[in-house]
Protein backbone atom coordinates (compact mmCIF):
# COMPACT_ATOMS: atom_id res chain seq x y z
CA MET A 1 79.11 153.59 -89.77
CA ARG A 2 82.29 154.29 -87.58
CA PHE A 3 86.11 154.24 -88.16
CA ALA A 4 88.96 153.08 -85.88
CA ILE A 5 92.35 152.80 -86.59
CA SER A 6 95.02 150.41 -85.33
CA LEU A 7 97.68 151.92 -82.99
CA PRO A 8 101.18 151.66 -84.13
CA GLN A 9 102.22 148.42 -82.27
CA PHE A 10 105.27 146.48 -84.10
CA PHE A 11 108.46 147.88 -83.01
CA GLU A 12 112.12 146.32 -83.29
CA ASP A 13 114.09 146.68 -79.96
CA GLY A 14 114.51 150.13 -79.42
CA ALA A 15 112.64 151.77 -82.00
CA PHE A 16 109.90 152.96 -80.03
CA ASP A 17 109.56 156.57 -81.01
CA PRO A 18 107.56 158.03 -77.80
CA ALA A 19 106.85 161.65 -79.69
CA GLY A 20 105.95 159.80 -82.73
CA PHE A 21 103.48 157.82 -81.31
CA ALA A 22 101.85 160.46 -79.40
CA GLY A 23 101.46 162.58 -82.58
CA PHE A 24 99.90 159.43 -84.02
CA VAL A 25 97.27 159.31 -81.37
CA HIS A 26 96.42 163.07 -81.16
CA ARG A 27 96.12 163.12 -85.16
CA ALA A 28 93.87 160.22 -85.13
CA GLU A 29 91.62 162.09 -82.53
CA GLU A 30 91.70 165.43 -84.95
CA LEU A 31 90.85 163.10 -88.14
CA GLY A 32 87.76 161.87 -86.29
CA TYR A 33 88.57 158.00 -85.64
CA HIS A 34 86.31 156.81 -83.06
CA SER A 35 88.70 154.46 -81.44
CA GLY A 36 92.31 153.02 -81.69
CA TRP A 37 93.22 149.56 -81.34
CA THR A 38 95.98 147.03 -80.35
CA GLN A 39 96.16 143.14 -80.52
CA GLU A 40 97.75 140.77 -78.38
CA GLN A 41 100.55 138.40 -79.42
CA VAL A 42 102.77 137.32 -76.66
CA LEU A 43 104.76 134.80 -78.51
CA GLY A 44 105.25 134.86 -82.32
CA PRO A 45 107.07 136.63 -85.23
CA GLY A 46 105.90 139.94 -84.78
CA ALA A 47 107.85 142.59 -82.74
CA ASN A 48 104.71 144.14 -80.86
CA LEU A 49 104.26 145.61 -77.66
CA GLY A 50 101.73 144.55 -75.19
CA PRO A 51 98.53 145.94 -75.47
CA ILE A 52 97.67 147.01 -71.98
CA GLU A 53 100.64 148.98 -71.80
CA LEU A 54 100.41 150.59 -75.11
CA MET A 55 96.81 151.61 -74.48
CA THR A 56 97.86 152.91 -71.33
CA TYR A 57 100.28 155.23 -72.92
CA ALA A 58 97.89 155.89 -75.59
CA ALA A 59 95.43 157.06 -72.90
CA ALA A 60 97.97 159.53 -71.58
CA CYS A 61 97.93 160.90 -74.84
CA SER A 62 94.62 161.58 -75.72
CA GLU A 63 91.38 162.98 -74.64
CA ARG A 64 88.59 161.49 -76.59
CA LEU A 65 89.95 158.63 -78.40
CA ARG A 66 88.35 155.07 -77.24
CA LEU A 67 90.89 152.49 -76.45
CA GLY A 68 90.88 148.47 -77.28
CA CYS A 69 92.30 145.22 -77.91
CA ALA A 70 90.95 143.09 -80.69
CA VAL A 71 91.37 140.40 -79.08
CA PHE A 72 93.18 139.58 -75.59
CA VAL A 73 93.49 135.74 -75.41
CA SER A 74 91.96 135.97 -72.15
CA PRO A 75 92.62 132.25 -70.70
CA LEU A 76 96.34 132.74 -70.90
CA HIS A 77 95.45 135.59 -68.24
CA ASN A 78 94.56 135.08 -64.73
CA PRO A 79 91.13 136.60 -64.43
CA VAL A 80 91.44 138.29 -61.01
CA HIS A 81 94.74 140.16 -62.38
CA PHE A 82 93.24 141.03 -65.42
CA ALA A 83 89.98 142.30 -64.02
CA LYS A 84 92.20 144.64 -61.94
CA ASN A 85 94.29 145.60 -64.99
CA LEU A 86 91.15 146.46 -67.14
CA ALA A 87 89.23 148.43 -64.52
CA THR A 88 92.42 150.37 -63.86
CA LEU A 89 93.02 151.23 -67.24
CA ASP A 90 89.52 152.09 -67.68
CA GLN A 91 89.69 154.66 -64.67
CA LEU A 92 93.08 155.94 -66.25
CA SER A 93 91.41 156.72 -69.39
CA ARG A 94 88.26 158.24 -67.84
CA GLY A 95 85.76 155.34 -69.29
CA ARG A 96 87.16 155.11 -72.68
CA LEU A 97 88.29 151.30 -72.88
CA GLU A 98 86.66 148.55 -74.96
CA VAL A 99 87.44 145.28 -74.04
CA GLY A 100 88.08 142.41 -76.68
CA ILE A 101 88.33 138.63 -75.87
CA GLY A 102 88.87 135.09 -77.42
CA THR A 103 89.75 131.96 -76.61
CA GLY A 104 92.81 131.98 -79.12
CA GLY A 105 91.95 128.62 -80.53
CA ARG A 106 94.13 125.46 -80.06
CA GLY A 107 97.11 126.17 -82.05
CA ARG A 108 99.08 128.31 -79.33
CA MET A 109 101.66 127.04 -77.24
CA PHE A 110 99.29 126.88 -73.95
CA SER A 111 102.25 124.79 -72.06
CA ALA A 112 104.02 128.21 -71.77
CA PHE A 113 100.90 129.74 -69.71
CA SER A 114 99.97 126.41 -67.57
CA VAL A 115 96.59 125.93 -69.39
CA ASP A 116 95.01 122.86 -70.60
CA PRO A 117 93.81 123.46 -74.05
CA ASP A 118 91.45 120.67 -73.59
CA ARG A 119 89.54 123.10 -70.87
CA LEU A 120 89.88 126.31 -72.98
CA VAL A 121 86.11 127.09 -73.48
CA GLY A 122 85.54 126.45 -69.52
CA ARG A 123 88.39 128.27 -68.62
CA PHE A 124 87.40 131.27 -70.86
CA THR A 125 83.80 131.24 -69.72
CA GLU A 126 84.62 131.20 -65.99
CA GLY A 127 87.14 133.77 -66.18
CA LEU A 128 84.75 136.22 -67.95
CA ASN A 129 82.07 135.36 -65.31
CA LEU A 130 84.54 136.14 -62.25
CA MET A 131 85.77 139.29 -64.05
CA LYS A 132 82.28 140.47 -64.11
CA GLU A 133 81.42 139.60 -60.64
CA LEU A 134 84.91 141.39 -59.54
CA TRP A 135 83.62 144.49 -61.79
CA THR A 136 80.32 144.78 -60.17
CA SER A 137 79.84 143.45 -56.84
CA PRO A 138 81.10 144.97 -53.72
CA ARG A 139 82.27 141.42 -52.30
CA VAL A 140 82.56 138.34 -54.40
CA THR A 141 82.34 134.91 -53.25
CA PHE A 142 83.03 132.56 -56.37
CA ASP A 143 83.09 128.60 -56.35
CA GLY A 144 84.44 127.95 -60.14
CA GLN A 145 86.18 125.03 -61.42
CA PHE A 146 89.49 127.07 -61.89
CA TRP A 147 88.94 129.98 -59.48
CA GLN A 148 87.45 130.11 -55.88
CA LEU A 149 87.43 133.39 -53.86
CA GLU A 150 85.50 134.02 -50.59
CA ASP A 151 84.36 137.51 -49.74
CA ALA A 152 86.91 139.27 -52.09
CA ILE A 153 86.84 143.14 -52.47
CA MET A 154 88.23 144.59 -55.78
CA GLU A 155 88.17 148.50 -56.03
CA PRO A 156 88.01 150.80 -57.69
CA LYS A 157 85.33 149.39 -60.13
CA PRO A 158 85.74 150.27 -63.85
CA ALA A 159 84.77 154.11 -64.80
CA GLN A 160 81.86 152.79 -67.21
CA LYS A 161 79.09 151.12 -65.68
CA PRO A 162 78.50 148.17 -65.46
CA TYR A 163 81.80 147.36 -66.78
CA PRO A 164 83.61 148.60 -70.32
CA PRO A 165 82.01 146.96 -73.47
CA VAL A 166 83.01 143.41 -74.21
CA TRP A 167 83.80 142.25 -77.63
CA PHE A 168 84.09 138.75 -78.88
CA GLY A 169 86.63 137.10 -81.31
CA GLY A 170 85.99 133.82 -83.08
CA ARG A 171 85.07 132.15 -86.01
CA HIS A 172 83.38 129.01 -84.96
CA PRO A 173 79.52 128.87 -84.72
CA ALA A 174 79.64 127.95 -81.38
CA ALA A 175 81.96 130.80 -80.40
CA LEU A 176 79.27 133.20 -82.15
CA ARG A 177 76.63 131.98 -80.32
CA ARG A 178 78.55 132.30 -77.01
CA ALA A 179 79.43 135.87 -78.16
CA VAL A 180 75.48 136.76 -78.16
CA ARG A 181 75.04 135.10 -74.72
CA HIS A 182 77.85 136.74 -72.86
CA GLY A 183 79.11 139.75 -74.67
CA ASP A 184 78.32 143.08 -76.12
CA GLY A 185 79.73 142.68 -79.62
CA PHE A 186 81.30 140.60 -82.22
CA PHE A 187 84.86 141.56 -83.78
CA GLY A 188 85.51 139.68 -86.99
CA ALA A 189 89.14 138.92 -87.88
CA GLY A 190 91.41 140.84 -90.12
CA SER A 191 92.57 137.39 -91.55
CA SER A 192 88.64 136.58 -92.39
CA THR A 193 87.37 137.39 -95.49
CA THR A 194 84.39 139.54 -96.20
CA ALA A 195 82.39 136.49 -97.34
CA ASP A 196 83.43 134.81 -94.18
CA PHE A 197 82.45 137.96 -92.05
CA ALA A 198 78.82 137.80 -93.82
CA GLU A 199 78.33 134.24 -92.90
CA GLN A 200 79.55 134.96 -89.34
CA VAL A 201 77.20 137.84 -89.05
CA GLY A 202 74.27 135.87 -90.40
CA ILE A 203 74.97 133.16 -87.43
CA VAL A 204 75.04 135.83 -84.76
CA ARG A 205 71.92 137.71 -86.14
CA GLU A 206 69.99 134.10 -85.85
CA GLU A 207 71.38 133.54 -82.41
CA LEU A 208 70.23 137.11 -81.27
CA ALA A 209 66.58 136.38 -82.79
CA ALA A 210 66.77 132.70 -81.16
CA THR A 211 67.38 134.47 -77.54
CA GLY A 212 65.14 137.23 -77.83
CA ARG A 213 67.72 139.68 -77.82
CA GLU A 214 67.22 143.01 -79.39
CA PRO A 215 69.50 143.54 -82.36
CA GLY A 216 70.82 147.06 -81.05
CA SER A 217 72.16 145.66 -77.98
CA PHE A 218 74.92 143.53 -79.69
CA ARG A 219 77.43 145.45 -82.11
CA LEU A 220 79.27 144.18 -85.08
CA ALA A 221 82.72 145.01 -86.14
CA LYS A 222 85.65 143.87 -88.53
CA ARG A 223 89.27 144.46 -88.51
CA VAL A 224 90.39 145.35 -92.11
CA TYR A 225 93.98 144.95 -93.10
CA VAL A 226 94.50 147.71 -95.90
CA ALA A 227 96.86 149.17 -98.27
CA VAL A 228 96.08 152.17 -100.13
CA ASP A 229 97.94 153.21 -103.14
CA ASP A 230 97.93 155.03 -106.55
CA ASP A 231 99.19 152.14 -108.13
CA ALA A 232 97.23 148.88 -107.72
CA ALA A 233 100.22 146.59 -108.09
CA ARG A 234 102.47 148.38 -105.69
CA ALA A 235 99.71 148.33 -103.18
CA ALA A 236 99.27 144.51 -103.61
CA GLU A 237 103.02 144.12 -102.83
CA LEU A 238 102.67 146.05 -99.76
CA ALA A 239 99.58 144.20 -98.48
CA VAL A 240 101.69 141.14 -98.66
CA ALA A 241 104.87 142.33 -97.09
CA GLY A 242 102.78 144.02 -94.01
CA LEU A 243 100.83 140.42 -93.80
CA SER A 244 104.12 138.72 -93.65
CA VAL A 245 104.95 140.79 -90.82
CA ILE A 246 102.07 140.16 -88.76
CA TYR A 247 101.93 136.49 -90.02
CA GLY A 248 105.27 135.33 -90.93
CA ASP A 249 106.84 134.69 -94.29
CA ARG A 250 104.10 132.71 -95.75
CA GLY A 251 101.40 134.59 -94.04
CA GLY A 252 101.21 137.32 -96.66
CA ARG A 253 100.03 135.54 -99.28
CA ASP A 254 97.87 133.06 -97.56
CA ARG A 255 95.78 136.07 -96.10
CA GLN A 256 96.12 138.48 -99.07
CA SER A 257 92.47 137.60 -100.24
CA ALA A 258 91.45 139.07 -96.75
CA ALA A 259 92.83 142.46 -97.03
CA VAL A 260 91.48 145.44 -99.20
CA PHE A 261 94.32 147.25 -100.96
CA GLY A 262 94.78 149.23 -104.09
CA THR A 263 93.86 152.85 -105.43
CA PRO A 264 91.62 154.79 -103.26
CA GLY A 265 88.67 153.89 -105.55
CA ASN A 266 89.46 150.00 -104.87
CA CYS A 267 89.48 150.40 -101.30
CA VAL A 268 86.07 152.29 -101.12
CA ARG A 269 84.54 149.64 -102.79
CA GLY A 270 86.29 146.76 -100.65
CA VAL A 271 85.39 148.66 -97.33
CA ARG A 272 81.89 149.26 -98.71
CA GLU A 273 81.32 145.40 -99.02
CA VAL A 274 82.43 144.93 -95.48
CA ALA A 275 79.82 147.43 -94.25
CA GLU A 276 77.45 146.11 -96.29
CA ALA A 277 78.08 142.55 -94.77
CA GLY A 278 76.95 143.91 -91.22
CA ALA A 279 80.12 145.72 -89.82
CA GLU A 280 78.83 149.14 -87.92
CA LEU A 281 82.46 149.65 -86.58
CA ILE A 282 85.27 149.04 -89.48
CA LEU A 283 88.99 149.03 -87.84
CA PHE A 284 91.75 149.81 -90.31
CA THR A 285 94.91 148.06 -89.64
CA PRO A 286 97.56 149.72 -92.34
CA LEU A 287 100.05 147.39 -93.98
CA THR A 288 102.53 150.04 -94.59
CA ASP A 289 103.38 153.41 -93.22
CA PRO A 290 100.74 153.95 -90.59
CA ALA A 291 100.73 157.34 -90.09
CA ALA A 292 100.41 157.94 -93.92
CA GLN A 293 97.69 155.44 -94.43
CA MET A 294 95.62 157.11 -91.57
CA GLU A 295 95.59 160.39 -93.49
CA ARG A 296 95.02 158.89 -96.55
CA LEU A 297 91.95 156.78 -95.18
CA ALA A 298 90.64 159.93 -93.70
CA ALA A 299 90.92 162.13 -96.75
CA GLU A 300 90.00 159.44 -99.43
CA VAL A 301 88.22 156.72 -98.01
CA MET A 302 86.14 157.25 -95.30
CA PRO A 303 83.97 160.26 -96.93
CA HIS A 304 82.93 158.14 -99.45
CA LEU A 305 81.34 155.46 -96.84
CA SER A 306 79.51 157.70 -94.47
């Protein structure tokens, strides 16, 4: 069992504290967290910083902590630029990058990115295939529906070979099966309940068996929104308030059932259920006071789950 922590990412204009952020990242390493993760939301109610830029900053503030995004909505990116950006970050971090990708579903403002939502899955899959080619081949000739390259060279390659681990997000059974065919792991969403995640893990394992892929070659993770407090009622209030910041005014109560909150004992039980559902990596996303919650999770929750 490995534990990860969400990097502080939500800051109103002018509120980012460089020293405080660097201290958070350094402390996450000291506490033994496996990795620090971001998320991508270009347009939306949350005042969050861009994931690539934040991970780059975190890489400069750390030595061992792996860095990831769960998840990039990769069809919104040009895969050539995206492959270059990620390869660069993997080099700058000396091979500590984890890449989460997903289609983003159909509820986004795709017109802002010149993306046709009716061709979303094709664009997603082709973009990933092109990135893998650019990361692994000395010269790339690619004749796709969306992108064409002839004898193209992209150097340097990522520090990790053949490329950084690629995690897939998603909920639909087709997305889960696609993860097994094209990815290195599945990352359950924080807005999914533990029961939802268990069902998704079942589909993943069925596809692993159907394709003959070794289960050990494919990893399972879940984001867990969390609020630890000695007062269970106060923890519930903090959970709703934190989720409202992420998802908007109604989002807090709509998604409360997917969060883990309460006393340390409550949280141990909730997180243990996620692990029993199949998660090998659990990403804690604190819904209040990230630094204090990171300390409490390391001292009062994680030791009871190892």
